[in-house]
C-alpha atoms as a PDB file:
ATOM      1  CA  UNK A   1      18.908  -4.215  23.411  1.00  0.00           C
ATOM      2  CA  UNK A   2      18.727  -6.703  20.534  1.00  0.00           C
ATOM      3  CA  UNK A   3      17.560  -5.688  17.281  1.00  0.00           C
ATOM      4  CA  UNK A   4      14.111  -7.119  16.151  1.00  0.00           C
ATOM      5  CA  UNK A   5      13.967  -8.939  12.575  1.00  0.00           C
ATOM      6  CA  UNK A   6      11.418  -6.864  10.475  1.00  0.00           C
ATOM      7  CA  UNK A   7       8.482  -8.730  10.017  1.00  0.00           C
ATOM      8  CA  UNK A   8       6.249  -8.923   6.817  1.00  0.00           C
ATOM      9  CA  UNK A   9       2.509  -7.409   7.474  1.00  0.00           C
ATOM     10  CA  UNK A  10       0.257  -8.509   4.639  1.00  0.00           C
ATOM     11  CA  UNK A  11      -2.851  -6.508   3.689  1.00  0.00           C
ATOM     12  CA  UNK A  12      -5.272  -9.386   5.522  1.00  0.00           C
ATOM     13  CA  UNK A  13      -3.125  -8.414   8.764  1.00  0.00           C
ATOM     14  CA  UNK A  14      -3.911  -4.688   8.276  1.00  0.00           C
ATOM     15  CA  UNK A  15      -7.422  -5.376   7.666  1.00  0.00           C
ATOM     16  CA  UNK A  16      -7.723  -7.439  10.654  1.00  0.00           C
ATOM     17  CA  UNK A  17      -6.238  -4.797  13.020  1.00  0.00           C
ATOM     18  CA  UNK A  18      -8.314  -1.955  11.148  1.00  0.00           C
ATOM     19  CA  UNK A  19     -11.705  -4.048  11.529  1.00  0.00           C
ATOM     20  CA  UNK A  20     -10.741  -4.797  15.368  1.00  0.00           C
ATOM     21  CA  UNK A  21     -10.152  -1.003  16.165  1.00  0.00           C
ATOM     22  CA  UNK A  22     -12.892   0.433  13.790  1.00  0.00           C
ATOM     23  CA  UNK A  23     -15.593  -2.111  15.337  1.00  0.00           C
ATOM     24  CA  UNK A  24     -16.365  -2.923  11.305  1.00  0.00           C
ATOM     25  CA  UNK A  25     -16.676  -6.221   9.960  1.00  0.00           C
ATOM     26  CA  UNK A  26     -13.470  -7.836   8.121  1.00  0.00           C
ATOM     27  CA  UNK A  27     -15.278  -7.746   4.745  1.00  0.00           C
ATOM     28  CA  UNK A  28     -16.415  -4.077   4.685  1.00  0.00           C
ATOM     29  CA  UNK A  29     -12.580  -2.856   5.707  1.00  0.00           C
ATOM     30  CA  UNK A  30     -11.422  -5.419   3.080  1.00  0.00           C
ATOM     31  CA  UNK A  31     -13.153  -3.517   0.583  1.00  0.00           C
ATOM     32  CA  UNK A  32     -12.545  -0.137   1.467  1.00  0.00           C
ATOM     33  CA  UNK A  33      -8.641  -0.900   1.861  1.00  0.00           C
ATOM     34  CA  UNK A  34      -9.010  -2.341  -1.921  1.00  0.00           C
ATOM     35  CA  UNK A  35     -10.637   0.182  -3.168  1.00  0.00           C
ATOM     36  CA  UNK A  36      -8.290   2.780  -1.608  1.00  0.00           C
ATOM     37  CA  UNK A  37      -5.632   0.972  -3.397  1.00  0.00           C
ATOM     38  CA  UNK A  38      -7.220   0.558  -6.785  1.00  0.00           C
ATOM     39  CA  UNK A  39      -7.779   4.281  -6.677  1.00  0.00           C
ATOM     40  CA  UNK A  40      -3.852   4.970  -5.765  1.00  0.00           C
ATOM     41  CA  UNK A  41      -2.886   2.572  -8.802  1.00  0.00           C
ATOM     42  CA  UNK A  42      -5.496   4.207 -11.121  1.00  0.00           C
ATOM     43  CA  UNK A  43      -4.490   7.845 -10.078  1.00  0.00           C
ATOM     44  CA  UNK A  44      -0.923   6.729 -10.577  1.00  0.00           C
ATOM     45  CA  UNK A  45      -1.609   5.255 -14.126  1.00  0.00           C
ATOM     46  CA  UNK A  46      -2.742   8.400 -15.214  1.00  0.00           C
ATOM     47  CA  UNK A  47       0.260   9.885 -14.052  1.00  0.00           C
ATOM     48  CA  UNK A  48      -1.078  12.015 -11.273  1.00  0.00           C
ATOM     49  CA  UNK A  49       0.361  12.823  -7.942  1.00  0.00           C
ATOM     50  CA  UNK A  50      -0.925  11.660  -4.616  1.00  0.00           C
ATOM     51  CA  UNK A  51      -0.163  13.683  -1.908  1.00  0.00           C
ATOM     52  CA  UNK A  52      -1.172  12.390   1.632  1.00  0.00           C
ATOM     53  CA  UNK A  53      -0.343  15.163   4.197  1.00  0.00           C
ATOM     54  CA  UNK A  54       2.209  14.256   6.830  1.00  0.00           C
ATOM     55  CA  UNK A  55       2.698  10.630   5.333  1.00  0.00           C
ATOM     56  CA  UNK A  56       4.279  11.433   1.995  1.00  0.00           C
ATOM     57  CA  UNK A  57       3.684  11.761  -1.624  1.00  0.00           C
ATOM     58  CA  UNK A  58       3.366   9.304  -4.717  1.00  0.00           C
ATOM     59  CA  UNK A  59       4.360  10.341  -7.893  1.00  0.00           C
ATOM     60  CA  UNK A  60       5.274   9.117 -11.389  1.00  0.00           C
ATOM     61  CA  UNK A  61       8.257  10.173 -13.053  1.00  0.00           C
ATOM     62  CA  UNK A  62       9.826   9.208 -16.241  1.00  0.00           C
ATOM     63  CA  UNK A  63      13.318   7.741 -16.653  1.00  0.00           C
ATOM     64  CA  UNK A  64      15.198   8.645 -19.644  1.00  0.00           C
ATOM     65  CA  UNK A  65      16.695   5.945 -21.911  1.00  0.00           C
ATOM     66  CA  UNK A  66      20.146   4.861 -21.141  1.00  0.00           C
ATOM     67  CA  UNK A  67      22.976   2.531 -22.105  1.00  0.00           C
ATOM     68  CA  UNK A  68      24.043   0.046 -19.205  1.00  0.00           C
ATOM     69  CA  UNK A  69      26.495  -2.767 -19.107  1.00  0.00           C
ATOM     70  CA  UNK A  70      25.842  -6.164 -18.541  1.00  0.00           C
ATOM     71  CA  UNK A  71      28.346  -6.569 -15.564  1.00  0.00           C
ATOM     72  CA  UNK A  72      28.760 -10.501 -16.227  1.00  0.00           C
ATOM     73  CA  UNK A  73      29.478 -10.043 -19.774  1.00  0.00           C
ATOM     74  CA  UNK A  74      30.554  -6.590 -20.163  1.00  0.00           C
ATOM     75  CA  UNK A  75      28.489  -6.323 -23.013  1.00  0.00           C
ATOM     76  CA  UNK A  76      26.846  -2.754 -23.411  1.00  0.00           C
ATOM     77  CA  UNK A  77      22.955  -3.030 -23.390  1.00  0.00           C
ATOM     78  CA  UNK A  78      20.258  -0.158 -24.274  1.00  0.00           C
ATOM     79  CA  UNK A  79      17.779   0.468 -21.582  1.00  0.00           C
ATOM     80  CA  UNK A  80      14.459   1.886 -22.811  1.00  0.00           C
ATOM     81  CA  UNK A  81      12.849   4.915 -20.996  1.00  0.00           C
ATOM     82  CA  UNK A  82      10.190   3.975 -18.565  1.00  0.00           C
ATOM     83  CA  UNK A  83       7.669   5.535 -16.217  1.00  0.00           C
ATOM     84  CA  UNK A  84       8.849   4.817 -12.233  1.00  0.00           C
ATOM     85  CA  UNK A  85       6.899   5.315  -9.541  1.00  0.00           C
ATOM     86  CA  UNK A  86       8.647   7.583  -6.702  1.00  0.00           C
ATOM     87  CA  UNK A  87       8.050   8.183  -2.864  1.00  0.00           C
ATOM     88  CA  UNK A  88       8.857  10.979  -0.884  1.00  0.00           C
ATOM     89  CA  UNK A  89       8.256  10.630   2.790  1.00  0.00           C
ATOM     90  CA  UNK A  90       6.498  12.766   4.910  1.00  0.00           C
ATOM     91  CA  UNK A  91       7.164  14.716   7.827  1.00  0.00           C
ATOM     92  CA  UNK A  92       5.327  12.264  10.372  1.00  0.00           C
ATOM     93  CA  UNK A  93       6.815   9.040   8.898  1.00  0.00           C
ATOM     94  CA  UNK A  94      10.119  10.474   8.737  1.00  0.00           C
ATOM     95  CA  UNK A  95      10.032  11.310  12.322  1.00  0.00           C
ATOM     96  CA  UNK A  96       8.430   7.997  13.551  1.00  0.00           C
ATOM     97  CA  UNK A  97      10.487   5.749  11.066  1.00  0.00           C
ATOM     98  CA  UNK A  98      13.494   7.894   9.917  1.00  0.00           C
ATOM     99  CA  UNK A  99      16.664   8.578  12.111  1.00  0.00           C
ATOM    100  CA  UNK A 100      15.638  12.292  12.756  1.00  0.00           C
ATOM    101  CA  UNK A 101      17.056  13.897  16.230  1.00  0.00           C
ATOM    102  CA  UNK A 102      13.668  15.133  16.313  1.00  0.00           C
ATOM    103  CA  UNK A 103      11.299  13.690  18.721  1.00  0.00           C
ATOM    104  CA  UNK A 104       8.159  11.880  17.352  1.00  0.00           C
ATOM    105  CA  UNK A 105       5.078  13.948  16.942  1.00  0.00           C
ATOM    106  CA  UNK A 106       3.116  10.996  18.080  1.00  0.00           C
ATOM    107  CA  UNK A 107       3.995   7.722  19.311  1.00  0.00           C
ATOM    108  CA  UNK A 108       4.079   5.036  16.560  1.00  0.00           C
ATOM    109  CA  UNK A 109       2.029   2.191  17.475  1.00  0.00           C
ATOM    110  CA  UNK A 110       4.011  -1.385  16.751  1.00  0.00           C
ATOM    111  CA  UNK A 111       7.523   0.338  16.052  1.00  0.00           C
ATOM    112  CA  UNK A 112      10.101  -0.114  18.515  1.00  0.00           C
ATOM    113  CA  UNK A 113      12.360   3.166  18.520  1.00  0.00           C
ATOM    114  CA  UNK A 114      16.146   2.933  18.600  1.00  0.00           C
ATOM    115  CA  UNK A 115      18.881   5.437  19.352  1.00  0.00           C
ATOM    116  CA  UNK A 116      20.052   7.304  16.261  1.00  0.00           C
ATOM    117  CA  UNK A 117      23.860   5.905  15.446  1.00  0.00           C
ATOM    118  CA  UNK A 118      26.567   7.874  16.921  1.00  0.00           C
ATOM    119  CA  UNK A 119      28.310  10.318  14.787  1.00  0.00           C
ATOM    120  CA  UNK A 120      31.686   8.740  13.393  1.00  0.00           C
ATOM    121  CA  UNK A 121      34.493  11.312  13.887  1.00  0.00           C
ATOM    122  CA  UNK A 122      37.328  11.548  11.554  1.00  0.00           C
ATOM    123  CA  UNK A 123      40.666  11.348  13.071  1.00  0.00           C
ATOM    124  CA  UNK A 124      41.933  14.786  13.271  1.00  0.00           C
ATOM    125  CA  UNK A 125      45.631  15.445  12.122  1.00  0.00           C
ATOM    126  CA  UNK A 126      47.973  16.722  14.112  1.00  0.00           C
ATOM    127  CA  UNK A 127      48.383  20.518  14.222  1.00  0.00           C
ATOM    128  CA  UNK A 128      51.672  21.886  13.382  1.00  0.00           C
ATOM    129  CA  UNK A 129      53.413  24.042  16.302  1.00  0.00           C
ATOM    130  CA  UNK A 130      52.804  27.384  16.069  1.00  0.00           C
ATOM    131  CA  UNK A 131      55.531  29.754  14.778  1.00  0.00           C
ATOM    132  CA  UNK A 132      57.638  31.434  17.152  1.00  0.00           C
ATOM    133  CA  UNK A 133      57.043  35.090  18.093  1.00  0.00           C
ATOM    134  CA  UNK A 134      59.459  37.501  16.995  1.00  0.00           C
ATOM    135  CA  UNK A 135      61.044  39.377  20.500  1.00  0.00           C
ATOM    136  CA  UNK A 136      59.696  43.028  20.934  1.00  0.00           C
ATOM    137  CA  UNK A 137      61.970  45.559  19.351  1.00  0.00           C
ATOM    138  CA  UNK A 138      63.557  48.288  21.234  1.00  0.00           C
ATOM    139  CA  UNK A 139      63.845  50.219  17.894  1.00  0.00           C
ATOM    140  CA  UNK A 140      61.794  53.220  17.486  1.00  0.00           C
ATOM    141  CA  UNK A 141      61.127  52.166  13.871  1.00  0.00           C
END
């Protein structure tokens, strides 16, 4: 099995797919998708957490200020605190996209599944021979 090169799927492509499968016009679907994206950005800008069950969770985290080092000049640089968006993958996405051992809950469309990589076993050091057992004693003590 050859590995498939990942493709970039644009909003336009998604709009076309949704319009075709939902029998809606591309204009209506594009407006809905854009409004959804606008709402996600607006809620994150307010610092709110967005939870889409089975899909995942978007939330804003505060990253503390820190001192970093320029790898080229080795000069110390102050990096200010900032807010970043984090995404935690939900159960269905993890099952369909990740390398879980579980079977997908539903087949994911347009995704080629691949078997999980075989676990790498570290070489085991040779075991020392067991010490010899003492011969049974005929002594009553």
